[in-house]
Amino acid sequence: MGLVRQVQVTFDCAEPERVARFWCEVLGYVVPPPPEGFANWTEFDRSLPAERQGASFACGDPSGVGPRLYFQRVPEGKVVKNRVHLDVRVGTGLVGEERLAALEAECARLTALGAVRVQLLEADEENESCIVMQDVEGNEFCLD
């Protein structure tokens, strides 16, 4: 019998809070409450040593079903395509023009939040259409 484990998805980035807040908007995730004794995350962040301030941020699915997302500051910039990416499932169960309309509507919403549209991959014999995008720091994801 296998073990069921929770999964956290970690993003390397330059501005953890900015990227986290983008993904909150994309997925309907929320920022958890700050640690006990702190009124907000800014106050908590100021309590850390200077080199750790702004170094990480997290958000999660308010229903507790989806994985927690963790964002950590790294010194190097992104230089190659992601080996792992998120598929944002906005067209599940839809096909043809109805699917494309749902994907395009979500693409427009996310572009307004700072995402970049990369490419429409049209349906073929094996896959339905999807739109490849990048988040506010260039991390690839798909609207699927």
N, C-alpha and C. Protein backbone atom coordinates (compact mmCIF):
# COMPACT_ATOMS: atom_id res chain seq x y z
N MET A 1 0.85 -1.17 0.00
CA MET A 1 0.00 0.00 0.00
C MET A 1 0.90 1.24 0.00
N GLY A 2 0.67 2.16 -0.93
CA GLY A 2 1.48 3.36 -1.03
C GLY A 2 1.02 4.44 -0.06
N LEU A 3 1.91 5.31 0.25
CA LEU A 3 1.59 6.44 1.12
C LEU A 3 1.05 7.59 0.29
N VAL A 4 0.07 8.28 0.82
CA VAL A 4 -0.43 9.49 0.19
C VAL A 4 0.22 10.65 0.91
N ARG A 5 0.88 11.51 0.14
CA ARG A 5 1.58 12.65 0.74
C ARG A 5 1.04 13.93 0.14
N GLN A 6 1.10 14.98 0.91
CA GLN A 6 0.77 16.29 0.37
C GLN A 6 1.92 16.77 -0.49
N VAL A 7 1.60 17.61 -1.46
CA VAL A 7 2.61 18.14 -2.36
C VAL A 7 2.65 19.65 -2.24
N GLN A 8 3.84 20.20 -2.22
CA GLN A 8 4.05 21.64 -2.30
C GLN A 8 4.82 21.90 -3.59
N VAL A 9 4.40 22.90 -4.33
CA VAL A 9 5.12 23.28 -5.55
C VAL A 9 5.94 24.51 -5.22
N THR A 10 7.25 24.45 -5.48
CA THR A 10 8.16 25.54 -5.15
C THR A 10 8.65 26.24 -6.41
N PHE A 11 8.59 27.55 -6.40
CA PHE A 11 9.05 28.38 -7.50
C PHE A 11 10.31 29.13 -7.07
N ASP A 12 11.36 29.06 -7.86
CA ASP A 12 12.50 29.95 -7.68
C ASP A 12 12.16 31.25 -8.39
N CYS A 13 12.44 32.38 -7.76
CA CYS A 13 12.07 33.66 -8.38
C CYS A 13 12.88 34.80 -7.76
N ALA A 14 12.73 35.97 -8.34
CA ALA A 14 13.42 37.16 -7.84
C ALA A 14 12.58 37.90 -6.80
N GLU A 15 11.25 37.91 -6.99
CA GLU A 15 10.35 38.64 -6.11
C GLU A 15 9.23 37.72 -5.62
N PRO A 16 9.49 36.96 -4.56
CA PRO A 16 8.53 35.97 -4.09
C PRO A 16 7.11 36.48 -3.85
N GLU A 17 6.96 37.59 -3.18
CA GLU A 17 5.60 38.06 -2.88
C GLU A 17 4.86 38.44 -4.15
N ARG A 18 5.52 39.10 -5.07
CA ARG A 18 4.88 39.50 -6.34
C ARG A 18 4.39 38.28 -7.11
N VAL A 19 5.24 37.26 -7.22
CA VAL A 19 4.87 36.06 -7.97
C VAL A 19 3.76 35.31 -7.23
N ALA A 20 3.85 35.23 -5.91
CA ALA A 20 2.81 34.55 -5.13
C ALA A 20 1.46 35.23 -5.29
N ARG A 21 1.44 36.53 -5.24
CA ARG A 21 0.16 37.24 -5.37
C ARG A 21 -0.42 37.08 -6.78
N PHE A 22 0.43 36.99 -7.80
CA PHE A 22 -0.05 36.69 -9.15
C PHE A 22 -0.76 35.34 -9.15
N TRP A 23 -0.11 34.31 -8.58
CA TRP A 23 -0.70 32.98 -8.59
C TRP A 23 -1.95 32.89 -7.73
N CYS A 24 -2.04 33.71 -6.68
CA CYS A 24 -3.29 33.78 -5.90
C CYS A 24 -4.44 34.21 -6.81
N GLU A 25 -4.18 35.21 -7.63
CA GLU A 25 -5.20 35.69 -8.57
C GLU A 25 -5.55 34.64 -9.63
N VAL A 26 -4.55 33.94 -10.13
CA VAL A 26 -4.77 32.93 -11.16
C VAL A 26 -5.64 31.80 -10.63
N LEU A 27 -5.30 31.31 -9.44
CA LEU A 27 -5.91 30.08 -8.92
C LEU A 27 -6.99 30.28 -7.86
N GLY A 28 -7.19 31.52 -7.42
CA GLY A 28 -8.14 31.74 -6.33
C GLY A 28 -7.57 31.31 -4.99
N TYR A 29 -6.23 31.25 -4.91
CA TYR A 29 -5.55 30.89 -3.67
C TYR A 29 -5.52 32.09 -2.72
N VAL A 30 -5.15 31.81 -1.48
CA VAL A 30 -5.07 32.86 -0.47
C VAL A 30 -3.73 32.80 0.24
N VAL A 31 -3.33 33.93 0.77
CA VAL A 31 -2.14 34.01 1.61
C VAL A 31 -2.56 33.62 3.02
N PRO A 32 -1.85 32.70 3.65
CA PRO A 32 -2.23 32.28 5.01
C PRO A 32 -2.03 33.42 6.00
N PRO A 33 -2.65 33.32 7.16
CA PRO A 33 -2.44 34.36 8.17
C PRO A 33 -0.97 34.40 8.60
N PRO A 34 -0.49 35.56 9.05
CA PRO A 34 0.90 35.65 9.52
C PRO A 34 1.09 34.86 10.81
N PRO A 35 2.33 34.59 11.16
CA PRO A 35 2.59 33.87 12.42
C PRO A 35 1.99 34.63 13.62
N GLU A 36 1.69 33.88 14.65
CA GLU A 36 1.13 34.46 15.86
C GLU A 36 2.04 35.56 16.39
N GLY A 37 1.42 36.65 16.80
CA GLY A 37 2.16 37.78 17.35
C GLY A 37 2.45 38.87 16.32
N PHE A 38 2.09 38.62 15.06
CA PHE A 38 2.32 39.60 14.00
C PHE A 38 0.99 39.99 13.36
N ALA A 39 0.79 41.28 13.17
CA ALA A 39 -0.46 41.77 12.59
C ALA A 39 -0.58 41.44 11.10
N ASN A 40 0.56 41.36 10.41
CA ASN A 40 0.54 41.07 8.97
C ASN A 40 1.92 40.53 8.57
N TRP A 41 2.02 40.11 7.30
CA TRP A 41 3.28 39.54 6.82
C TRP A 41 4.39 40.57 6.71
N THR A 42 4.04 41.82 6.44
CA THR A 42 5.05 42.88 6.36
C THR A 42 5.73 43.05 7.72
N GLU A 43 4.94 43.05 8.77
CA GLU A 43 5.49 43.17 10.13
C GLU A 43 6.40 41.98 10.44
N PHE A 44 5.95 40.77 10.07
CA PHE A 44 6.78 39.58 10.29
C PHE A 44 8.09 39.69 9.51
N ASP A 45 7.98 40.10 8.24
CA ASP A 45 9.16 40.20 7.38
C ASP A 45 10.19 41.16 7.97
N ARG A 46 9.72 42.27 8.53
CA ARG A 46 10.63 43.26 9.13
C ARG A 46 11.35 42.72 10.36
N SER A 47 10.79 41.67 10.97
CA SER A 47 11.42 41.10 12.16
C SER A 47 12.59 40.17 11.82
N LEU A 48 12.73 39.84 10.55
CA LEU A 48 13.78 38.93 10.11
C LEU A 48 15.09 39.67 9.87
N PRO A 49 16.21 38.95 9.87
CA PRO A 49 17.48 39.59 9.50
C PRO A 49 17.37 40.15 8.08
N ALA A 50 18.08 41.21 7.80
CA ALA A 50 17.97 41.90 6.51
C ALA A 50 18.11 40.96 5.32
N GLU A 51 19.02 40.01 5.39
CA GLU A 51 19.25 39.12 4.24
C GLU A 51 18.10 38.14 4.00
N ARG A 52 17.23 37.96 4.98
CA ARG A 52 16.09 37.05 4.83
C ARG A 52 14.79 37.78 4.52
N GLN A 53 14.79 39.11 4.62
CA GLN A 53 13.57 39.86 4.35
C GLN A 53 13.19 39.72 2.87
N GLY A 54 11.94 39.41 2.62
CA GLY A 54 11.45 39.24 1.25
C GLY A 54 11.94 37.99 0.56
N ALA A 55 12.55 37.07 1.30
CA ALA A 55 13.17 35.89 0.70
C ALA A 55 12.18 34.78 0.34
N SER A 56 10.98 34.82 0.91
CA SER A 56 10.03 33.77 0.59
C SER A 56 8.60 34.25 0.84
N PHE A 57 7.68 33.53 0.24
CA PHE A 57 6.26 33.83 0.39
C PHE A 57 5.51 32.56 0.01
N ALA A 58 4.30 32.39 0.51
CA ALA A 58 3.54 31.19 0.19
C ALA A 58 2.06 31.52 0.07
N CYS A 59 1.34 30.63 -0.59
CA CYS A 59 -0.11 30.75 -0.67
C CYS A 59 -0.69 29.35 -0.82
N GLY A 60 -1.99 29.25 -0.58
CA GLY A 60 -2.60 27.93 -0.64
C GLY A 60 -4.04 27.98 -1.05
N ASP A 61 -4.54 26.81 -1.39
CA ASP A 61 -5.93 26.62 -1.76
C ASP A 61 -6.79 26.77 -0.51
N PRO A 62 -7.75 27.71 -0.51
CA PRO A 62 -8.55 27.90 0.69
C PRO A 62 -9.37 26.67 1.07
N SER A 63 -9.64 25.79 0.11
CA SER A 63 -10.38 24.56 0.41
C SER A 63 -9.47 23.47 0.97
N GLY A 64 -8.14 23.66 0.84
CA GLY A 64 -7.20 22.66 1.32
C GLY A 64 -6.98 21.50 0.37
N VAL A 65 -7.58 21.54 -0.82
CA VAL A 65 -7.46 20.44 -1.77
C VAL A 65 -6.20 20.55 -2.62
N GLY A 66 -5.94 21.73 -3.16
CA GLY A 66 -4.79 21.93 -4.04
C GLY A 66 -3.49 22.04 -3.27
N PRO A 67 -2.38 21.91 -3.96
CA PRO A 67 -1.09 21.99 -3.28
C PRO A 67 -0.76 23.41 -2.83
N ARG A 68 0.02 23.51 -1.79
CA ARG A 68 0.55 24.79 -1.34
C ARG A 68 1.60 25.23 -2.36
N LEU A 69 1.66 26.53 -2.64
CA LEU A 69 2.69 27.07 -3.52
C LEU A 69 3.66 27.87 -2.66
N TYR A 70 4.95 27.62 -2.86
CA TYR A 70 5.99 28.29 -2.08
C TYR A 70 6.92 28.98 -3.07
N PHE A 71 7.27 30.22 -2.77
CA PHE A 71 8.09 31.04 -3.66
C PHE A 71 9.33 31.46 -2.89
N GLN A 72 10.50 31.15 -3.44
CA GLN A 72 11.75 31.46 -2.76
C GLN A 72 12.66 32.28 -3.67
N ARG A 73 13.25 33.29 -3.07
CA ARG A 73 14.16 34.16 -3.81
C ARG A 73 15.46 33.42 -4.08
N VAL A 74 15.91 33.51 -5.33
CA VAL A 74 17.21 32.95 -5.72
C VAL A 74 17.98 34.04 -6.43
N PRO A 75 19.32 33.99 -6.39
CA PRO A 75 20.11 35.06 -7.00
C PRO A 75 20.15 35.03 -8.52
N GLU A 76 20.04 33.83 -9.10
CA GLU A 76 20.14 33.74 -10.55
C GLU A 76 18.78 33.92 -11.22
N GLY A 77 18.80 34.45 -12.42
CA GLY A 77 17.58 34.61 -13.19
C GLY A 77 17.25 33.34 -13.94
N LYS A 78 16.06 33.31 -14.49
CA LYS A 78 15.62 32.17 -15.28
C LYS A 78 16.35 32.19 -16.62
N VAL A 79 16.92 31.05 -17.02
CA VAL A 79 17.69 31.03 -18.27
C VAL A 79 17.21 29.98 -19.27
N VAL A 80 16.46 28.98 -18.83
CA VAL A 80 15.97 27.95 -19.74
C VAL A 80 14.50 27.66 -19.45
N LYS A 81 13.89 26.91 -20.34
CA LYS A 81 12.50 26.50 -20.19
C LYS A 81 12.35 25.66 -18.91
N ASN A 82 11.22 25.84 -18.24
CA ASN A 82 10.93 25.03 -17.06
C ASN A 82 10.87 23.56 -17.43
N ARG A 83 11.38 22.70 -16.57
CA ARG A 83 11.24 21.25 -16.77
C ARG A 83 9.90 20.77 -16.22
N VAL A 84 9.32 21.51 -15.30
CA VAL A 84 8.00 21.21 -14.74
C VAL A 84 7.19 22.49 -14.83
N HIS A 85 5.92 22.36 -15.16
CA HIS A 85 5.07 23.55 -15.20
C HIS A 85 3.67 23.20 -14.71
N LEU A 86 2.89 24.22 -14.39
CA LEU A 86 1.51 24.03 -13.97
C LEU A 86 0.60 24.09 -15.19
N ASP A 87 -0.41 23.24 -15.21
CA ASP A 87 -1.50 23.35 -16.17
C ASP A 87 -2.69 23.90 -15.41
N VAL A 88 -3.18 25.05 -15.82
CA VAL A 88 -4.35 25.67 -15.21
C VAL A 88 -5.55 25.16 -16.00
N ARG A 89 -6.36 24.33 -15.39
CA ARG A 89 -7.41 23.57 -16.07
C ARG A 89 -8.70 24.39 -16.20
N VAL A 90 -8.78 25.21 -17.21
CA VAL A 90 -9.97 26.05 -17.42
C VAL A 90 -10.89 25.50 -18.50
N GLY A 91 -10.42 24.52 -19.29
CA GLY A 91 -11.23 24.00 -20.39
C GLY A 91 -11.66 22.56 -20.21
N THR A 92 -11.56 22.04 -18.99
CA THR A 92 -11.89 20.64 -18.74
C THR A 92 -13.31 20.33 -19.20
N GLY A 93 -13.41 19.29 -20.03
CA GLY A 93 -14.72 18.86 -20.52
C GLY A 93 -15.23 19.61 -21.74
N LEU A 94 -14.52 20.66 -22.13
CA LEU A 94 -14.93 21.45 -23.28
C LEU A 94 -14.12 21.03 -24.50
N VAL A 95 -14.72 21.15 -25.69
CA VAL A 95 -14.02 20.82 -26.92
C VAL A 95 -14.31 21.89 -27.97
N GLY A 96 -13.48 21.89 -28.99
CA GLY A 96 -13.70 22.77 -30.15
C GLY A 96 -13.75 24.24 -29.80
N GLU A 97 -14.70 24.95 -30.44
CA GLU A 97 -14.82 26.40 -30.27
C GLU A 97 -15.17 26.79 -28.84
N GLU A 98 -15.96 25.97 -28.17
CA GLU A 98 -16.33 26.27 -26.78
C GLU A 98 -15.08 26.25 -25.89
N ARG A 99 -14.21 25.28 -26.10
CA ARG A 99 -12.95 25.21 -25.34
C ARG A 99 -12.06 26.40 -25.66
N LEU A 100 -11.90 26.70 -26.95
CA LEU A 100 -11.07 27.84 -27.33
C LEU A 100 -11.58 29.14 -26.71
N ALA A 101 -12.89 29.33 -26.68
CA ALA A 101 -13.46 30.54 -26.09
C ALA A 101 -13.12 30.63 -24.60
N ALA A 102 -13.22 29.51 -23.88
CA ALA A 102 -12.88 29.51 -22.45
C ALA A 102 -11.41 29.81 -22.24
N LEU A 103 -10.54 29.20 -23.06
CA LEU A 103 -9.10 29.44 -22.95
C LEU A 103 -8.77 30.90 -23.25
N GLU A 104 -9.35 31.45 -24.30
CA GLU A 104 -9.08 32.84 -24.68
C GLU A 104 -9.57 33.82 -23.62
N ALA A 105 -10.72 33.55 -23.02
CA ALA A 105 -11.23 34.43 -21.97
C ALA A 105 -10.29 34.45 -20.77
N GLU A 106 -9.82 33.26 -20.37
CA GLU A 106 -8.89 33.20 -19.23
C GLU A 106 -7.54 33.81 -19.59
N CYS A 107 -7.10 33.62 -20.82
CA CYS A 107 -5.85 34.22 -21.29
C CYS A 107 -5.93 35.75 -21.18
N ALA A 108 -7.05 36.32 -21.58
CA ALA A 108 -7.22 37.78 -21.50
C ALA A 108 -7.18 38.25 -20.05
N ARG A 109 -7.83 37.52 -19.14
CA ARG A 109 -7.83 37.88 -17.71
C ARG A 109 -6.42 37.84 -17.16
N LEU A 110 -5.67 36.78 -17.48
CA LEU A 110 -4.33 36.63 -16.93
C LEU A 110 -3.33 37.59 -17.56
N THR A 111 -3.51 37.92 -18.81
CA THR A 111 -2.65 38.91 -19.46
C THR A 111 -2.81 40.26 -18.76
N ALA A 112 -4.03 40.58 -18.38
CA ALA A 112 -4.27 41.84 -17.65
C ALA A 112 -3.57 41.84 -16.29
N LEU A 113 -3.30 40.66 -15.73
CA LEU A 113 -2.60 40.54 -14.45
C LEU A 113 -1.08 40.55 -14.60
N GLY A 114 -0.59 40.54 -15.86
CA GLY A 114 0.85 40.56 -16.09
C GLY A 114 1.41 39.33 -16.75
N ALA A 115 0.58 38.32 -17.02
CA ALA A 115 1.05 37.12 -17.72
C ALA A 115 1.32 37.46 -19.18
N VAL A 116 2.09 36.62 -19.84
CA VAL A 116 2.40 36.79 -21.25
C VAL A 116 1.92 35.56 -22.01
N ARG A 117 1.19 35.81 -23.09
CA ARG A 117 0.75 34.72 -23.96
C ARG A 117 1.94 34.33 -24.84
N VAL A 118 2.25 33.04 -24.91
CA VAL A 118 3.37 32.56 -25.71
C VAL A 118 2.88 31.94 -27.01
N GLN A 119 1.92 30.99 -26.91
CA GLN A 119 1.54 30.25 -28.10
C GLN A 119 0.24 29.48 -27.88
N LEU A 120 -0.61 29.49 -28.90
CA LEU A 120 -1.77 28.61 -28.92
C LEU A 120 -1.36 27.30 -29.56
N LEU A 121 -1.55 26.20 -28.86
CA LEU A 121 -1.32 24.88 -29.42
C LEU A 121 -2.70 24.31 -29.76
N GLU A 122 -2.97 24.20 -31.05
CA GLU A 122 -4.30 23.77 -31.48
C GLU A 122 -4.47 22.26 -31.35
N ALA A 123 -5.72 21.84 -31.20
CA ALA A 123 -6.05 20.44 -31.04
C ALA A 123 -5.49 19.61 -32.19
N ASP A 124 -5.08 18.38 -31.86
CA ASP A 124 -4.64 17.43 -32.87
C ASP A 124 -5.29 16.08 -32.56
N GLU A 125 -4.78 15.02 -33.12
CA GLU A 125 -5.37 13.69 -32.92
C GLU A 125 -5.28 13.22 -31.46
N GLU A 126 -4.33 13.74 -30.71
CA GLU A 126 -4.11 13.26 -29.34
C GLU A 126 -4.50 14.24 -28.25
N ASN A 127 -4.42 15.54 -28.51
CA ASN A 127 -4.60 16.54 -27.47
C ASN A 127 -5.61 17.60 -27.86
N GLU A 128 -6.30 18.12 -26.86
CA GLU A 128 -7.16 19.28 -27.07
C GLU A 128 -6.29 20.54 -27.10
N SER A 129 -6.86 21.63 -27.53
CA SER A 129 -6.13 22.90 -27.58
C SER A 129 -5.71 23.36 -26.20
N CYS A 130 -4.60 24.08 -26.13
CA CYS A 130 -4.15 24.73 -24.90
C CYS A 130 -3.37 25.99 -25.29
N ILE A 131 -3.19 26.87 -24.31
CA ILE A 131 -2.42 28.10 -24.55
C ILE A 131 -1.23 28.09 -23.60
N VAL A 132 -0.04 28.20 -24.17
CA VAL A 132 1.18 28.30 -23.38
C VAL A 132 1.35 29.76 -22.98
N MET A 133 1.63 29.98 -21.70
CA MET A 133 1.79 31.34 -21.17
C MET A 133 3.00 31.39 -20.26
N GLN A 134 3.34 32.61 -19.82
CA GLN A 134 4.39 32.82 -18.82
C GLN A 134 3.83 33.70 -17.72
N ASP A 135 4.23 33.41 -16.48
CA ASP A 135 3.79 34.25 -15.36
C ASP A 135 4.60 35.54 -15.33
N VAL A 136 4.47 36.31 -14.27
CA VAL A 136 5.09 37.63 -14.18
C VAL A 136 6.62 37.60 -14.12
N GLU A 137 7.22 36.41 -13.93
CA GLU A 137 8.67 36.28 -13.97
C GLU A 137 9.15 35.34 -15.07
N GLY A 138 8.26 35.00 -16.00
CA GLY A 138 8.65 34.20 -17.14
C GLY A 138 8.54 32.70 -16.98
N ASN A 139 7.96 32.21 -15.86
CA ASN A 139 7.76 30.78 -15.69
C ASN A 139 6.62 30.31 -16.58
N GLU A 140 6.87 29.27 -17.38
CA GLU A 140 5.86 28.77 -18.29
C GLU A 140 4.75 28.05 -17.54
N PHE A 141 3.53 28.19 -18.06
CA PHE A 141 2.38 27.40 -17.61
C PHE A 141 1.43 27.29 -18.78
N CYS A 142 0.50 26.38 -18.68
CA CYS A 142 -0.47 26.19 -19.77
C CYS A 142 -1.88 26.42 -19.27
N LEU A 143 -2.68 27.05 -20.11
CA LEU A 143 -4.13 27.06 -19.90
C LEU A 143 -4.62 25.84 -20.66
N ASP A 144 -5.20 24.92 -19.94
CA ASP A 144 -5.56 23.63 -20.50
C ASP A 144 -7.05 23.39 -20.35
